Each structure stands twice: as structure tokens, then as C-alpha cells.
Amino acid sequence: MEKILLTNIRIFNMKYIVLSIFLIQNIFACAVCYGAPEHPVTEGMNNGILFLLSIVVFVLSSIAASIFVLVKRARAYEIEGGVK
């Protein structure tokens, strides 16, 4: 069983290497990797990063606001008499 698995892995690796050699023109780096700042792909990538960052900030601030509200309610509950 292990011998068959190793054979399949070797065949897959060889196919990948041969495919990479024949398609070498298609695996060059894109404009983002080269660092062309005015290229539309780079601008789109930057906008995507900012969008995802804003989503993370929104979610974390929502969690912080929820915690703040719960703490505020707990203090108000303690002032009113709390658990008897």
C-alpha cells in the first residue's frame, strides 16, 4: 500500500515538473509581485486589502462594543441591588 502511494506521489511530482517546464511563460510573476504601483491589478489588490482590513476592524469593534455594553449593564445591575 505504501509503495503504491509513493509511486503515485512520484508520478504526480513528475507531472507537475514537466507541466511547469512547458508552461514556463505562464508562471512568471504578475504586476503585483513586480511592484508596478499604477497597474490596475495592484490597485485592485490594495483596495481588496483595505476592504478586508475594514471588515476585521468592524468585527473587532463590534465585539468590543458588546463587551462594553455588558460591563455597563452589569455595573447598573449591581448598583440596583444585584442578586439577593
C-alpha atoms as a PDB file:
ATOM      1  CA  MET A   1       0.000   0.000   0.000  1.00  0.00           C
ATOM      2  CA  GLU A   2       2.786   2.407   0.911  1.00  0.00           C
ATOM      3  CA  LYS A   3       4.665   1.521  -2.257  1.00  0.00           C
ATOM      4  CA  ILE A   4       1.625   2.390  -4.400  1.00  0.00           C
ATOM      5  CA  LEU A   5       1.187   5.667  -2.538  1.00  0.00           C
ATOM      6  CA  LEU A   6       4.840   6.623  -3.014  1.00  0.00           C
ATOM      7  CA  THR A   7       4.613   5.731  -6.704  1.00  0.00           C
ATOM      8  CA  ASN A   8       1.527   7.940  -7.113  1.00  0.00           C
ATOM      9  CA  ILE A   9       3.254  10.823  -5.355  1.00  0.00           C
ATOM     10  CA  ARG A  10       6.314  10.498  -7.593  1.00  0.00           C
ATOM     11  CA  ILE A  11       4.153  10.406 -10.720  1.00  0.00           C
ATOM     12  CA  PHE A  12       2.260  13.498  -9.551  1.00  0.00           C
ATOM     13  CA  ASN A  13       5.524  15.331  -8.856  1.00  0.00           C
ATOM     14  CA  MET A  14       6.921  14.429 -12.269  1.00  0.00           C
ATOM     15  CA  LYS A  15       3.724  15.604 -14.000  1.00  0.00           C
ATOM     16  CA  TYR A  16       3.939  18.891 -12.105  1.00  0.00           C
ATOM     17  CA  ILE A  17       7.574  19.437 -13.056  1.00  0.00           C
ATOM     18  CA  VAL A  18       7.006  18.622 -16.730  1.00  0.00           C
ATOM     19  CA  LEU A  19       3.922  20.847 -16.845  1.00  0.00           C
ATOM     20  CA  SER A  20       5.884  23.697 -15.238  1.00  0.00           C
ATOM     21  CA  ILE A  21       8.638  23.373 -17.830  1.00  0.00           C
ATOM     22  CA  PHE A  22       6.218  23.532 -20.747  1.00  0.00           C
ATOM     23  CA  LEU A  23       4.172  26.385 -19.305  1.00  0.00           C
ATOM     24  CA  ILE A  24       7.089  28.494 -18.061  1.00  0.00           C
ATOM     25  CA  GLN A  25       5.748  31.633 -19.778  1.00  0.00           C
ATOM     26  CA  ASN A  26       2.510  31.447 -17.799  1.00  0.00           C
ATOM     27  CA  ILE A  27       4.121  31.163 -14.359  1.00  0.00           C
ATOM     28  CA  PHE A  28       6.045  34.429 -14.351  1.00  0.00           C
ATOM     29  CA  ALA A  29       5.211  36.904 -11.615  1.00  0.00           C
ATOM     30  CA  CYS A  30       2.292  39.296 -12.091  1.00  0.00           C
ATOM     31  CA  ALA A  31       2.288  43.092 -11.780  1.00  0.00           C
ATOM     32  CA  VAL A  32       1.652  42.876  -8.038  1.00  0.00           C
ATOM     33  CA  CYS A  33       4.770  40.763  -7.484  1.00  0.00           C
ATOM     34  CA  TYR A  34       6.879  43.047  -9.666  1.00  0.00           C
ATOM     35  CA  GLY A  35       5.565  46.080  -7.780  1.00  0.00           C
ATOM     36  CA  ALA A  36       4.052  48.205 -10.558  1.00  0.00           C
ATOM     37  CA  PRO A  37       2.151  50.760  -8.427  1.00  0.00           C
ATOM     38  CA  GLU A  38      -0.049  52.182 -11.202  1.00  0.00           C
ATOM     39  CA  HIS A  39      -1.130  48.838 -12.629  1.00  0.00           C
ATOM     40  CA  PRO A  40      -4.864  48.087 -12.239  1.00  0.00           C
ATOM     41  CA  VAL A  41      -4.138  44.705 -10.694  1.00  0.00           C
ATOM     42  CA  THR A  42      -2.011  46.322  -7.987  1.00  0.00           C
ATOM     43  CA  GLU A  43      -4.659  48.950  -7.293  1.00  0.00           C
ATOM     44  CA  GLY A  44      -7.332  46.253  -7.082  1.00  0.00           C
ATOM     45  CA  MET A  45      -5.198  44.216  -4.692  1.00  0.00           C
ATOM     46  CA  ASN A  46      -4.663  47.252  -2.483  1.00  0.00           C
ATOM     47  CA  ASN A  47      -8.397  48.003  -2.468  1.00  0.00           C
ATOM     48  CA  GLY A  48      -9.133  44.387  -1.576  1.00  0.00           C
ATOM     49  CA  ILE A  49      -6.672  44.503   1.313  1.00  0.00           C
ATOM     50  CA  LEU A  50      -8.217  47.713   2.633  1.00  0.00           C
ATOM     51  CA  PHE A  51     -11.716  46.241   2.344  1.00  0.00           C
ATOM     52  CA  LEU A  52     -10.778  43.082   4.243  1.00  0.00           C
ATOM     53  CA  LEU A  53      -8.974  45.148   6.866  1.00  0.00           C
ATOM     54  CA  SER A  54     -12.064  47.304   7.340  1.00  0.00           C
ATOM     55  CA  ILE A  55     -14.183  44.157   7.815  1.00  0.00           C
ATOM     56  CA  VAL A  56     -11.793  42.923  10.516  1.00  0.00           C
ATOM     57  CA  VAL A  57     -11.856  46.321  12.255  1.00  0.00           C
ATOM     58  CA  PHE A  58     -15.664  46.378  12.116  1.00  0.00           C
ATOM     59  CA  VAL A  59     -15.998  42.900  13.626  1.00  0.00           C
ATOM     60  CA  LEU A  60     -13.474  43.566  16.390  1.00  0.00           C
ATOM     61  CA  SER A  61     -15.040  46.918  17.256  1.00  0.00           C
ATOM     62  CA  SER A  62     -18.469  45.240  17.384  1.00  0.00           C
ATOM     63  CA  ILE A  63     -17.123  42.672  19.839  1.00  0.00           C
ATOM     64  CA  ALA A  64     -15.527  45.410  21.952  1.00  0.00           C
ATOM     65  CA  ALA A  65     -18.769  47.418  21.941  1.00  0.00           C
ATOM     66  CA  SER A  66     -20.733  44.335  23.024  1.00  0.00           C
ATOM     67  CA  ILE A  67     -18.337  43.736  25.902  1.00  0.00           C
ATOM     68  CA  PHE A  68     -18.606  47.403  26.897  1.00  0.00           C
ATOM     69  CA  VAL A  69     -22.418  47.223  26.935  1.00  0.00           C
ATOM     70  CA  LEU A  70     -22.382  44.028  29.024  1.00  0.00           C
ATOM     71  CA  VAL A  71     -19.987  45.565  31.563  1.00  0.00           C
ATOM     72  CA  LYS A  72     -22.135  48.695  31.752  1.00  0.00           C
ATOM     73  CA  ARG A  73     -25.294  46.615  32.354  1.00  0.00           C
ATOM     74  CA  ALA A  74     -23.553  44.510  34.994  1.00  0.00           C
ATOM     75  CA  ARG A  75     -22.495  47.640  36.907  1.00  0.00           C
ATOM     76  CA  ALA A  76     -26.006  49.055  36.693  1.00  0.00           C
ATOM     77  CA  TYR A  77     -27.424  45.767  37.948  1.00  0.00           C
ATOM     78  CA  GLU A  78     -25.032  45.759  40.917  1.00  0.00           C
ATOM     79  CA  ILE A  79     -25.986  49.335  41.833  1.00  0.00           C
ATOM     80  CA  GLU A  80     -29.719  48.488  41.762  1.00  0.00           C
ATOM     81  CA  GLY A  81     -29.342  45.673  44.240  1.00  0.00           C
ATOM     82  CA  GLY A  82     -27.853  42.792  42.381  1.00  0.00           C
ATOM     83  CA  VAL A  83     -28.500  39.167  43.208  1.00  0.00           C
ATOM     84  CA  LYS A  84     -30.085  38.585  46.626  1.00  0.00           C
END
